[in-house]
Amino acid sequence: MAQKINYEQLRYGTKDGELKFGHLTADNQIDAVLLRNFYNYTHYIEMCRTGDDHRKDGTIIRAPGSCQIRAGDNCPKDIPGVYIEAVSGDLILRAPSGRVRIEGQNVDINASGFDGESGVVDISANEKIILDAGQIVDIKGKVGLKIFSEGTVDCIGRQVLNMYGGMIDCADAACTSKTSLGSKGGSANELKNKSII
């Protein structure tokens, strides 16, 4: 690709920082506006004019130190102090060498899908998922609820354990022996079907 030329470049700056219009970048693109710390070239804000994919018409904020947003001091109760929206595409929060923390008086996570494939909240971890509530953990599934483990499943109620089902089916390894009769000859229904009783 030929080196871009911008004859209308304009720069204002001092030994501390610079403001450039029509800046030519190192990868041969044009920034409409560039604001940069002159002591550290990795500290800048770019308003991109050209480029592919996310670059064109995008804004890049780069800070080698902490990047902080603090707002909402005078916002009424129902007005967001900080509002972030991705009109199209994904919204990604990533901390590959740190922790992602979401804190608030209340935290809402809502997936509002429009078909049978969207509307999914997917949480995965390669070690543990810990749910710890001071009062109640309430889990509901309109169609089904499944708990599965390759190891041990413990169901403990230190005071009361209530189990209810329109129909309850329980089986252990003995009920699935090769004879299908289990260690004690199978259930009453199985024995009736086999004309043993």
N, C-alpha and C. Protein backbone atom coordinates (compact mmCIF):
# COMPACT_ATOMS: atom_id res chain seq x y z
N MET A 1 0.84 -1.19 0.00
CA MET A 1 0.00 0.00 0.00
C MET A 1 0.89 1.25 0.00
N ALA A 2 0.52 2.20 -0.85
CA ALA A 2 1.30 3.43 -0.93
C ALA A 2 1.15 4.25 0.35
N GLN A 3 2.20 4.95 0.70
CA GLN A 3 2.17 5.78 1.91
C GLN A 3 1.18 6.92 1.73
N LYS A 4 0.25 7.03 2.67
CA LYS A 4 -0.75 8.09 2.59
C LYS A 4 -0.09 9.45 2.80
N ILE A 5 -0.70 10.45 2.18
CA ILE A 5 -0.22 11.83 2.31
C ILE A 5 -1.39 12.70 2.75
N ASN A 6 -1.15 13.51 3.74
CA ASN A 6 -2.17 14.45 4.18
C ASN A 6 -1.53 15.84 4.22
N TYR A 7 -1.90 16.67 3.25
CA TYR A 7 -1.30 17.99 3.13
C TYR A 7 -1.88 19.00 4.11
N GLU A 8 -2.93 18.61 4.81
CA GLU A 8 -3.57 19.55 5.71
C GLU A 8 -3.32 19.18 7.18
N GLN A 9 -2.23 18.50 7.45
CA GLN A 9 -1.87 18.18 8.82
C GLN A 9 -1.63 19.46 9.62
N LEU A 10 -2.05 19.41 10.89
CA LEU A 10 -1.84 20.55 11.76
C LEU A 10 -1.49 20.04 13.15
N ARG A 11 -0.46 20.65 13.76
CA ARG A 11 -0.01 20.20 15.07
C ARG A 11 0.14 21.38 16.01
N TYR A 12 -0.37 21.20 17.22
CA TYR A 12 -0.11 22.13 18.31
C TYR A 12 0.54 21.33 19.43
N GLY A 13 1.57 21.87 20.03
CA GLY A 13 2.19 21.11 21.10
C GLY A 13 3.27 21.86 21.83
N THR A 14 3.67 21.29 22.94
CA THR A 14 4.79 21.77 23.73
C THR A 14 5.65 20.57 24.08
N LYS A 15 6.61 20.75 24.97
CA LYS A 15 7.45 19.65 25.40
C LYS A 15 6.65 18.62 26.21
N ASP A 16 5.45 18.99 26.66
CA ASP A 16 4.63 18.10 27.50
C ASP A 16 3.65 17.24 26.70
N GLY A 17 3.06 17.80 25.68
CA GLY A 17 2.06 17.05 24.94
C GLY A 17 1.78 17.68 23.60
N GLU A 18 0.95 16.97 22.79
CA GLU A 18 0.64 17.48 21.46
C GLU A 18 -0.80 17.17 21.08
N LEU A 19 -1.35 18.02 20.23
CA LEU A 19 -2.66 17.84 19.63
C LEU A 19 -2.47 17.94 18.13
N LYS A 20 -2.82 16.87 17.41
CA LYS A 20 -2.59 16.83 15.97
C LYS A 20 -3.89 16.55 15.25
N PHE A 21 -4.09 17.22 14.13
CA PHE A 21 -5.23 16.98 13.24
C PHE A 21 -4.69 16.39 11.94
N GLY A 22 -5.29 15.29 11.50
CA GLY A 22 -4.81 14.63 10.27
C GLY A 22 -3.50 13.90 10.48
N HIS A 23 -3.28 13.34 11.64
CA HIS A 23 -2.03 12.65 11.97
C HIS A 23 -1.88 11.37 11.15
N LEU A 24 -0.70 11.14 10.59
CA LEU A 24 -0.37 9.91 9.88
C LEU A 24 0.24 8.93 10.88
N THR A 25 -0.38 7.76 11.02
CA THR A 25 0.06 6.78 12.00
C THR A 25 1.19 5.91 11.46
N ALA A 26 1.82 5.14 12.35
CA ALA A 26 2.93 4.28 11.95
C ALA A 26 2.48 3.17 11.02
N ASP A 27 1.20 2.77 11.09
CA ASP A 27 0.69 1.72 10.19
C ASP A 27 -0.06 2.31 9.00
N ASN A 28 0.32 3.54 8.61
CA ASN A 28 -0.16 4.16 7.37
C ASN A 28 -1.67 4.41 7.37
N GLN A 29 -2.17 4.89 8.49
CA GLN A 29 -3.56 5.31 8.57
C GLN A 29 -3.61 6.77 9.00
N ILE A 30 -4.80 7.36 8.91
CA ILE A 30 -4.96 8.77 9.24
C ILE A 30 -5.88 8.90 10.46
N ASP A 31 -5.40 9.63 11.45
CA ASP A 31 -6.23 10.00 12.59
C ASP A 31 -6.80 11.39 12.36
N ALA A 32 -8.11 11.53 12.52
CA ALA A 32 -8.70 12.86 12.42
C ALA A 32 -8.13 13.75 13.52
N VAL A 33 -8.05 13.18 14.75
CA VAL A 33 -7.52 13.91 15.89
C VAL A 33 -6.66 12.97 16.72
N LEU A 34 -5.50 13.46 17.16
CA LEU A 34 -4.62 12.71 18.06
C LEU A 34 -4.24 13.60 19.23
N LEU A 35 -4.45 13.12 20.43
CA LEU A 35 -4.03 13.82 21.65
C LEU A 35 -3.04 12.90 22.36
N ARG A 36 -1.81 13.39 22.59
CA ARG A 36 -0.78 12.49 23.09
C ARG A 36 0.10 13.15 24.14
N ASN A 37 0.49 12.33 25.12
CA ASN A 37 1.50 12.69 26.09
C ASN A 37 2.85 12.64 25.39
N PHE A 38 3.55 13.75 25.32
CA PHE A 38 4.77 13.80 24.52
C PHE A 38 5.93 13.08 25.20
N TYR A 39 5.81 12.83 26.50
CA TYR A 39 6.86 12.12 27.20
C TYR A 39 6.71 10.60 27.08
N ASN A 40 5.51 10.15 26.74
CA ASN A 40 5.25 8.72 26.63
C ASN A 40 4.34 8.48 25.43
N TYR A 41 4.89 7.94 24.35
CA TYR A 41 4.13 7.78 23.12
C TYR A 41 3.05 6.70 23.22
N THR A 42 3.03 5.91 24.31
CA THR A 42 1.97 4.92 24.48
C THR A 42 0.82 5.48 25.32
N HIS A 43 0.79 6.80 25.49
CA HIS A 43 -0.28 7.44 26.25
C HIS A 43 -0.97 8.44 25.32
N TYR A 44 -2.13 8.04 24.77
CA TYR A 44 -2.77 8.87 23.75
C TYR A 44 -4.25 8.55 23.60
N ILE A 45 -4.94 9.43 22.90
CA ILE A 45 -6.32 9.21 22.46
C ILE A 45 -6.36 9.48 20.96
N GLU A 46 -6.85 8.50 20.21
CA GLU A 46 -6.95 8.63 18.75
C GLU A 46 -8.41 8.63 18.32
N MET A 47 -8.78 9.56 17.46
CA MET A 47 -10.06 9.52 16.75
C MET A 47 -9.72 9.19 15.31
N CYS A 48 -9.90 7.91 14.95
CA CYS A 48 -9.40 7.39 13.67
C CYS A 48 -10.31 7.78 12.51
N ARG A 49 -9.69 8.09 11.39
CA ARG A 49 -10.46 8.41 10.20
C ARG A 49 -10.43 7.28 9.19
N THR A 50 -9.31 6.58 9.06
CA THR A 50 -9.21 5.48 8.11
C THR A 50 -8.80 4.20 8.84
N GLY A 51 -8.85 3.09 8.11
CA GLY A 51 -8.46 1.80 8.67
C GLY A 51 -9.51 0.74 8.37
N ASP A 52 -9.20 -0.49 8.74
CA ASP A 52 -10.10 -1.61 8.51
C ASP A 52 -10.81 -1.98 9.80
N ASP A 53 -11.95 -2.67 9.65
CA ASP A 53 -12.70 -3.23 10.78
C ASP A 53 -12.98 -2.16 11.84
N HIS A 54 -12.45 -2.38 13.05
CA HIS A 54 -12.76 -1.50 14.17
C HIS A 54 -12.03 -0.16 14.09
N ARG A 55 -11.01 -0.07 13.25
CA ARG A 55 -10.17 1.13 13.26
C ARG A 55 -10.88 2.34 12.65
N LYS A 56 -11.49 2.17 11.49
CA LYS A 56 -12.11 3.31 10.82
C LYS A 56 -13.27 3.86 11.65
N ASP A 57 -13.28 5.17 11.84
CA ASP A 57 -14.31 5.87 12.63
C ASP A 57 -14.33 5.40 14.08
N GLY A 58 -13.27 4.76 14.53
CA GLY A 58 -13.19 4.30 15.91
C GLY A 58 -12.40 5.26 16.78
N THR A 59 -12.47 5.05 18.09
CA THR A 59 -11.72 5.83 19.06
C THR A 59 -10.86 4.88 19.87
N ILE A 60 -9.59 5.17 19.96
CA ILE A 60 -8.65 4.34 20.72
C ILE A 60 -8.11 5.16 21.88
N ILE A 61 -8.24 4.60 23.07
CA ILE A 61 -7.69 5.23 24.28
C ILE A 61 -6.61 4.31 24.83
N ARG A 62 -5.41 4.81 24.95
CA ARG A 62 -4.28 4.00 25.42
C ARG A 62 -3.63 4.70 26.59
N ALA A 63 -3.48 3.97 27.70
CA ALA A 63 -2.87 4.55 28.89
C ALA A 63 -1.96 3.51 29.54
N PRO A 64 -0.67 3.77 29.64
CA PRO A 64 0.22 2.82 30.33
C PRO A 64 -0.05 2.77 31.82
N GLY A 65 -0.66 3.80 32.35
CA GLY A 65 -1.07 3.81 33.76
C GLY A 65 -2.55 3.47 33.87
N SER A 66 -3.14 3.81 34.98
CA SER A 66 -4.55 3.51 35.22
C SER A 66 -5.45 4.43 34.40
N CYS A 67 -6.51 3.86 33.83
CA CYS A 67 -7.51 4.63 33.10
C CYS A 67 -8.79 4.63 33.95
N GLN A 68 -9.22 5.76 34.41
CA GLN A 68 -10.32 5.83 35.36
C GLN A 68 -11.44 6.71 34.84
N ILE A 69 -12.67 6.27 35.06
CA ILE A 69 -13.86 7.07 34.74
C ILE A 69 -14.65 7.23 36.03
N ARG A 70 -14.88 8.44 36.44
CA ARG A 70 -15.68 8.70 37.64
C ARG A 70 -16.70 9.78 37.28
N ALA A 71 -17.96 9.44 37.41
CA ALA A 71 -19.00 10.38 36.99
C ALA A 71 -20.26 10.14 37.81
N GLY A 72 -21.23 11.01 37.61
CA GLY A 72 -22.54 10.82 38.20
C GLY A 72 -22.77 11.51 39.52
N ASP A 73 -21.89 12.42 39.92
CA ASP A 73 -22.06 13.10 41.21
C ASP A 73 -23.41 13.79 41.33
N ASN A 74 -23.90 14.36 40.24
CA ASN A 74 -25.14 15.14 40.30
C ASN A 74 -26.30 14.48 39.57
N CYS A 75 -26.17 13.18 39.24
CA CYS A 75 -27.24 12.49 38.51
C CYS A 75 -28.42 12.19 39.43
N PRO A 76 -29.65 12.39 38.95
CA PRO A 76 -30.82 11.94 39.72
C PRO A 76 -30.80 10.42 39.90
N LYS A 77 -31.67 9.91 40.75
CA LYS A 77 -31.65 8.51 41.15
C LYS A 77 -31.75 7.54 39.97
N ASP A 78 -32.64 7.79 39.02
CA ASP A 78 -32.90 6.84 37.95
C ASP A 78 -32.09 7.11 36.68
N ILE A 79 -31.12 8.01 36.72
CA ILE A 79 -30.28 8.33 35.57
C ILE A 79 -28.93 7.65 35.74
N PRO A 80 -28.46 6.89 34.74
CA PRO A 80 -27.17 6.21 34.88
C PRO A 80 -26.03 7.21 35.06
N GLY A 81 -25.14 6.92 36.01
CA GLY A 81 -23.95 7.74 36.18
C GLY A 81 -22.95 7.51 35.07
N VAL A 82 -22.82 6.28 34.62
CA VAL A 82 -21.98 5.91 33.48
C VAL A 82 -22.78 4.95 32.62
N TYR A 83 -22.87 5.24 31.33
CA TYR A 83 -23.65 4.41 30.41
C TYR A 83 -22.75 3.99 29.26
N ILE A 84 -22.62 2.69 29.04
CA ILE A 84 -21.80 2.16 27.94
C ILE A 84 -22.69 1.26 27.10
N GLU A 85 -22.75 1.51 25.80
CA GLU A 85 -23.58 0.70 24.90
C GLU A 85 -22.81 0.36 23.64
N ALA A 86 -22.83 -0.92 23.27
CA ALA A 86 -22.31 -1.35 21.98
C ALA A 86 -23.51 -1.50 21.06
N VAL A 87 -23.71 -0.57 20.15
CA VAL A 87 -24.89 -0.57 19.29
C VAL A 87 -24.94 -1.83 18.45
N SER A 88 -23.80 -2.28 17.96
CA SER A 88 -23.69 -3.57 17.29
C SER A 88 -22.38 -4.21 17.72
N GLY A 89 -22.28 -5.52 17.59
CA GLY A 89 -21.07 -6.20 18.02
C GLY A 89 -21.11 -6.50 19.51
N ASP A 90 -20.01 -6.99 20.03
CA ASP A 90 -19.92 -7.43 21.42
C ASP A 90 -19.38 -6.33 22.33
N LEU A 91 -19.66 -6.47 23.60
CA LEU A 91 -19.06 -5.64 24.64
C LEU A 91 -18.17 -6.56 25.47
N ILE A 92 -16.88 -6.30 25.49
CA ILE A 92 -15.92 -7.19 26.13
C ILE A 92 -15.22 -6.47 27.27
N LEU A 93 -15.24 -7.07 28.43
CA LEU A 93 -14.46 -6.62 29.58
C LEU A 93 -13.43 -7.71 29.84
N ARG A 94 -12.17 -7.39 29.76
CA ARG A 94 -11.14 -8.42 29.81
C ARG A 94 -9.99 -7.99 30.71
N ALA A 95 -9.58 -8.88 31.59
CA ALA A 95 -8.42 -8.65 32.46
C ALA A 95 -7.63 -9.95 32.52
N PRO A 96 -6.80 -10.24 31.50
CA PRO A 96 -6.13 -11.54 31.41
C PRO A 96 -5.17 -11.83 32.56
N SER A 97 -4.68 -10.81 33.23
CA SER A 97 -3.76 -11.05 34.35
C SER A 97 -4.30 -10.48 35.66
N GLY A 98 -5.60 -10.25 35.70
CA GLY A 98 -6.19 -9.68 36.91
C GLY A 98 -7.59 -10.22 37.15
N ARG A 99 -8.35 -9.51 37.93
CA ARG A 99 -9.70 -9.92 38.34
C ARG A 99 -10.71 -8.92 37.78
N VAL A 100 -11.82 -9.41 37.27
CA VAL A 100 -12.93 -8.56 36.84
C VAL A 100 -13.92 -8.47 37.99
N ARG A 101 -14.16 -7.27 38.47
CA ARG A 101 -15.04 -7.09 39.62
C ARG A 101 -16.23 -6.20 39.26
N ILE A 102 -17.41 -6.64 39.62
CA ILE A 102 -18.63 -5.86 39.44
C ILE A 102 -19.24 -5.69 40.83
N GLU A 103 -19.36 -4.45 41.27
CA GLU A 103 -19.84 -4.18 42.62
C GLU A 103 -21.01 -3.20 42.56
N GLY A 104 -21.97 -3.40 43.42
CA GLY A 104 -23.10 -2.48 43.49
C GLY A 104 -24.04 -2.89 44.60
N GLN A 105 -24.97 -2.00 44.96
CA GLN A 105 -25.98 -2.35 45.95
C GLN A 105 -26.80 -3.53 45.45
N ASN A 106 -27.08 -3.55 44.15
CA ASN A 106 -27.72 -4.67 43.48
C ASN A 106 -27.02 -4.89 42.15
N VAL A 107 -26.96 -6.13 41.70
CA VAL A 107 -26.34 -6.47 40.41
C VAL A 107 -27.36 -7.24 39.59
N ASP A 108 -27.67 -6.75 38.40
CA ASP A 108 -28.60 -7.43 37.50
C ASP A 108 -27.85 -7.93 36.28
N ILE A 109 -28.06 -9.20 35.94
CA ILE A 109 -27.54 -9.77 34.69
C ILE A 109 -28.74 -10.29 33.92
N ASN A 110 -28.98 -9.75 32.75
CA ASN A 110 -30.18 -10.09 31.99
C ASN A 110 -29.83 -10.38 30.54
N ALA A 111 -30.18 -11.55 30.06
CA ALA A 111 -30.01 -11.90 28.65
C ALA A 111 -31.40 -11.98 28.03
N SER A 112 -31.75 -11.01 27.19
CA SER A 112 -33.08 -10.94 26.59
C SER A 112 -33.00 -11.40 25.15
N GLY A 113 -33.08 -12.71 24.94
CA GLY A 113 -32.98 -13.27 23.60
C GLY A 113 -34.28 -13.12 22.84
N PHE A 114 -34.20 -13.28 21.52
CA PHE A 114 -35.37 -13.11 20.67
C PHE A 114 -35.72 -14.40 19.92
N ASP A 115 -34.93 -15.46 20.10
CA ASP A 115 -35.23 -16.72 19.44
C ASP A 115 -34.83 -17.87 20.36
N GLY A 116 -34.87 -19.09 19.85
CA GLY A 116 -34.56 -20.25 20.66
C GLY A 116 -33.09 -20.45 20.95
N GLU A 117 -32.22 -19.65 20.33
CA GLU A 117 -30.78 -19.82 20.53
C GLU A 117 -30.15 -18.72 21.36
N SER A 118 -30.74 -17.54 21.37
CA SER A 118 -30.19 -16.44 22.16
C SER A 118 -30.93 -16.37 23.50
N GLY A 119 -30.54 -15.42 24.33
CA GLY A 119 -31.11 -15.32 25.66
C GLY A 119 -30.45 -16.27 26.63
N VAL A 120 -29.15 -16.48 26.49
CA VAL A 120 -28.40 -17.45 27.29
C VAL A 120 -27.38 -16.71 28.16
N VAL A 121 -27.32 -17.06 29.42
CA VAL A 121 -26.25 -16.61 30.31
C VAL A 121 -25.32 -17.79 30.52
N ASP A 122 -24.09 -17.68 30.07
CA ASP A 122 -23.14 -18.78 30.12
C ASP A 122 -22.02 -18.43 31.09
N ILE A 123 -21.89 -19.18 32.17
CA ILE A 123 -20.84 -18.96 33.16
C ILE A 123 -19.99 -20.22 33.23
N SER A 124 -18.70 -20.10 33.02
CA SER A 124 -17.83 -21.27 33.07
C SER A 124 -16.55 -20.91 33.81
N ALA A 125 -15.97 -21.89 34.47
CA ALA A 125 -14.72 -21.71 35.20
C ALA A 125 -13.96 -23.03 35.17
N ASN A 126 -12.63 -22.95 35.10
CA ASN A 126 -11.85 -24.19 35.08
C ASN A 126 -11.53 -24.70 36.47
N GLU A 127 -11.96 -23.99 37.51
CA GLU A 127 -11.77 -24.46 38.89
C GLU A 127 -13.09 -24.50 39.65
N LYS A 128 -13.61 -23.39 40.09
CA LYS A 128 -14.80 -23.37 40.94
C LYS A 128 -15.77 -22.28 40.52
N ILE A 129 -17.03 -22.53 40.75
CA ILE A 129 -18.07 -21.50 40.72
C ILE A 129 -18.69 -21.50 42.11
N ILE A 130 -18.60 -20.40 42.82
CA ILE A 130 -19.05 -20.32 44.20
C ILE A 130 -20.23 -19.36 44.29
N LEU A 131 -21.36 -19.86 44.77
CA LEU A 131 -22.53 -19.02 45.04
C LEU A 131 -22.71 -18.98 46.55
N ASP A 132 -22.65 -17.81 47.13
CA ASP A 132 -22.73 -17.68 48.59
C ASP A 132 -23.65 -16.50 48.91
N ALA A 133 -24.81 -16.80 49.47
CA ALA A 133 -25.78 -15.75 49.80
C ALA A 133 -25.99 -15.72 51.31
N GLY A 134 -26.15 -14.52 51.85
CA GLY A 134 -26.39 -14.40 53.28
C GLY A 134 -27.74 -14.95 53.69
N GLN A 135 -28.70 -15.00 52.75
CA GLN A 135 -30.05 -15.46 53.09
C GLN A 135 -30.49 -16.63 52.20
N ILE A 136 -30.77 -16.37 50.93
CA ILE A 136 -31.43 -17.37 50.08
C ILE A 136 -30.74 -17.43 48.72
N VAL A 137 -30.58 -18.64 48.20
CA VAL A 137 -30.22 -18.86 46.80
C VAL A 137 -31.43 -19.51 46.14
N ASP A 138 -32.02 -18.84 45.18
CA ASP A 138 -33.25 -19.31 44.54
C ASP A 138 -32.95 -19.61 43.07
N ILE A 139 -33.06 -20.89 42.68
CA ILE A 139 -32.77 -21.31 41.31
C ILE A 139 -34.05 -21.87 40.71
N LYS A 140 -34.46 -21.34 39.56
CA LYS A 140 -35.69 -21.79 38.90
C LYS A 140 -35.42 -22.10 37.43
N GLY A 141 -36.06 -23.12 36.93
CA GLY A 141 -36.02 -23.45 35.51
C GLY A 141 -37.41 -23.83 35.07
N LYS A 142 -38.03 -23.09 34.16
CA LYS A 142 -39.42 -23.35 33.77
C LYS A 142 -39.58 -24.71 33.10
N VAL A 143 -38.57 -25.15 32.36
CA VAL A 143 -38.66 -26.42 31.65
C VAL A 143 -37.90 -27.52 32.37
N GLY A 144 -36.72 -27.23 32.85
CA GLY A 144 -35.93 -28.26 33.50
C GLY A 144 -34.82 -27.66 34.35
N LEU A 145 -34.30 -28.49 35.24
CA LEU A 145 -33.17 -28.11 36.09
C LEU A 145 -32.33 -29.36 36.27
N LYS A 146 -31.04 -29.25 35.98
CA LYS A 146 -30.16 -30.42 36.02
C LYS A 146 -28.91 -30.10 36.82
N ILE A 147 -28.55 -30.98 37.73
CA ILE A 147 -27.31 -30.89 38.47
C ILE A 147 -26.53 -32.16 38.21
N PHE A 148 -25.31 -32.05 37.73
CA PHE A 148 -24.54 -33.23 37.35
C PHE A 148 -23.10 -33.07 37.79
N SER A 149 -22.52 -34.16 38.23
CA SER A 149 -21.11 -34.17 38.60
C SER A 149 -20.51 -35.53 38.26
N GLU A 150 -19.29 -35.53 37.77
CA GLU A 150 -18.56 -36.79 37.56
C GLU A 150 -18.15 -37.40 38.89
N GLY A 151 -18.15 -36.59 39.96
CA GLY A 151 -17.75 -37.06 41.28
C GLY A 151 -18.94 -37.16 42.22
N THR A 152 -18.86 -36.44 43.32
CA THR A 152 -19.86 -36.52 44.38
C THR A 152 -20.81 -35.32 44.34
N VAL A 153 -22.08 -35.59 44.57
CA VAL A 153 -23.08 -34.53 44.74
C VAL A 153 -23.61 -34.63 46.17
N ASP A 154 -23.45 -33.58 46.94
CA ASP A 154 -23.95 -33.53 48.31
C ASP A 154 -25.16 -32.62 48.38
N CYS A 155 -26.23 -33.11 48.96
CA CYS A 155 -27.45 -32.32 49.17
C CYS A 155 -27.70 -32.29 50.67
N ILE A 156 -27.45 -31.18 51.32
CA ILE A 156 -27.44 -31.12 52.79
C ILE A 156 -28.37 -30.01 53.26
N GLY A 157 -29.26 -30.35 54.16
CA GLY A 157 -30.07 -29.36 54.86
C GLY A 157 -29.82 -29.51 56.35
N ARG A 158 -29.08 -28.63 56.95
CA ARG A 158 -28.67 -28.81 58.35
C ARG A 158 -29.87 -28.83 59.30
N GLN A 159 -30.92 -28.12 58.95
CA GLN A 159 -32.12 -28.15 59.79
C GLN A 159 -33.20 -29.00 59.13
N VAL A 160 -33.61 -28.63 57.92
CA VAL A 160 -34.68 -29.36 57.23
C VAL A 160 -34.28 -29.52 55.76
N LEU A 161 -34.51 -30.69 55.20
CA LEU A 161 -34.32 -30.93 53.77
C LEU A 161 -35.66 -31.38 53.21
N ASN A 162 -36.27 -30.55 52.38
CA ASN A 162 -37.55 -30.89 51.77
C ASN A 162 -37.32 -31.28 50.33
N MET A 163 -37.88 -32.41 49.94
CA MET A 163 -37.83 -32.85 48.54
C MET A 163 -39.25 -33.18 48.11
N TYR A 164 -39.68 -32.59 47.00
CA TYR A 164 -41.02 -32.85 46.52
C TYR A 164 -40.98 -33.01 45.00
N GLY A 165 -41.79 -33.92 44.51
CA GLY A 165 -41.92 -34.08 43.07
C GLY A 165 -43.24 -34.74 42.76
N GLY A 166 -43.86 -34.35 41.65
CA GLY A 166 -45.09 -35.02 41.24
C GLY A 166 -44.83 -36.51 41.08
N MET A 167 -43.61 -36.84 40.68
CA MET A 167 -43.15 -38.22 40.64
C MET A 167 -41.67 -38.21 40.93
N ILE A 168 -41.19 -39.04 41.83
CA ILE A 168 -39.78 -39.08 42.20
C ILE A 168 -39.21 -40.42 41.80
N ASP A 169 -38.13 -40.40 41.05
CA ASP A 169 -37.46 -41.62 40.60
C ASP A 169 -36.06 -41.60 41.16
N CYS A 170 -35.68 -42.60 41.91
CA CYS A 170 -34.34 -42.69 42.48
C CYS A 170 -33.72 -44.02 42.10
N ALA A 171 -32.46 -44.03 41.77
CA ALA A 171 -31.76 -45.27 41.43
C ALA A 171 -30.32 -45.16 41.87
N ASP A 172 -29.75 -46.29 42.30
CA ASP A 172 -28.33 -46.33 42.57
C ASP A 172 -27.68 -47.35 41.64
N ALA A 173 -26.37 -47.55 41.80
CA ALA A 173 -25.65 -48.43 40.89
C ALA A 173 -26.20 -49.85 40.94
N ALA A 174 -26.68 -50.28 42.09
CA ALA A 174 -27.20 -51.64 42.20
C ALA A 174 -28.44 -51.86 41.35
N CYS A 175 -29.19 -50.78 41.10
CA CYS A 175 -30.42 -50.89 40.30
C CYS A 175 -30.13 -50.97 38.81
N THR A 176 -28.89 -50.82 38.44
CA THR A 176 -28.54 -50.86 37.01
C THR A 176 -27.58 -52.00 36.73
N SER A 177 -27.74 -53.13 37.45
CA SER A 177 -26.87 -54.29 37.23
C SER A 177 -27.20 -54.95 35.90
N LYS A 178 -26.38 -55.91 35.46
CA LYS A 178 -26.56 -56.56 34.16
C LYS A 178 -27.87 -57.32 34.08
N THR A 179 -28.36 -57.85 35.22
CA THR A 179 -29.61 -58.60 35.20
C THR A 179 -30.82 -57.69 35.20
N SER A 180 -30.59 -56.39 35.43
CA SER A 180 -31.64 -55.37 35.55
C SER A 180 -32.55 -55.63 36.74
N LEU A 181 -32.17 -56.59 37.62
CA LEU A 181 -32.95 -56.85 38.81
C LEU A 181 -32.35 -56.18 40.03
N GLY A 182 -31.12 -55.65 39.94
CA GLY A 182 -30.49 -55.02 41.07
C GLY A 182 -29.99 -56.03 42.06
N SER A 183 -29.40 -55.54 43.14
CA SER A 183 -28.79 -56.44 44.11
C SER A 183 -29.82 -57.21 44.91
N LYS A 184 -31.08 -56.73 44.96
CA LYS A 184 -32.12 -57.42 45.72
C LYS A 184 -33.25 -57.86 44.81
N GLY A 185 -32.97 -58.03 43.57
CA GLY A 185 -34.00 -58.55 42.68
C GLY A 185 -34.78 -57.49 41.94
N GLY A 186 -34.45 -56.20 42.07
CA GLY A 186 -35.12 -55.13 41.33
C GLY A 186 -36.30 -54.58 42.10
N SER A 187 -36.93 -53.55 41.52
CA SER A 187 -38.06 -52.91 42.16
C SER A 187 -39.32 -53.74 41.98
N ALA A 188 -40.34 -53.37 42.72
CA ALA A 188 -41.61 -54.10 42.63
C ALA A 188 -42.18 -54.05 41.22
N ASN A 189 -42.09 -52.89 40.58
CA ASN A 189 -42.62 -52.76 39.21
C ASN A 189 -41.87 -53.64 38.23
N GLU A 190 -40.52 -53.68 38.40
CA GLU A 190 -39.72 -54.54 37.52
C GLU A 190 -40.09 -56.00 37.70
N LEU A 191 -40.29 -56.42 38.96
CA LEU A 191 -40.62 -57.81 39.23
C LEU A 191 -42.00 -58.16 38.70
N LYS A 192 -42.97 -57.21 38.81
CA LYS A 192 -44.30 -57.47 38.25
C LYS A 192 -44.22 -57.64 36.75
N ASN A 193 -43.43 -56.79 36.10
CA ASN A 193 -43.31 -56.89 34.64
C ASN A 193 -42.69 -58.21 34.22
N LYS A 194 -41.86 -58.79 35.08
CA LYS A 194 -41.19 -60.03 34.75
C LYS A 194 -41.97 -61.24 35.30
N SER A 195 -43.19 -61.01 35.81
CA SER A 195 -44.06 -62.04 36.32
C SER A 195 -43.44 -62.84 37.45
N ILE A 196 -42.59 -62.18 38.25
CA ILE A 196 -41.98 -62.87 39.40
C ILE A 196 -42.88 -62.76 40.61
N ILE A 197 -43.63 -61.63 40.73
CA ILE A 197 -44.59 -61.48 41.82
C ILE A 197 -45.94 -61.10 41.22
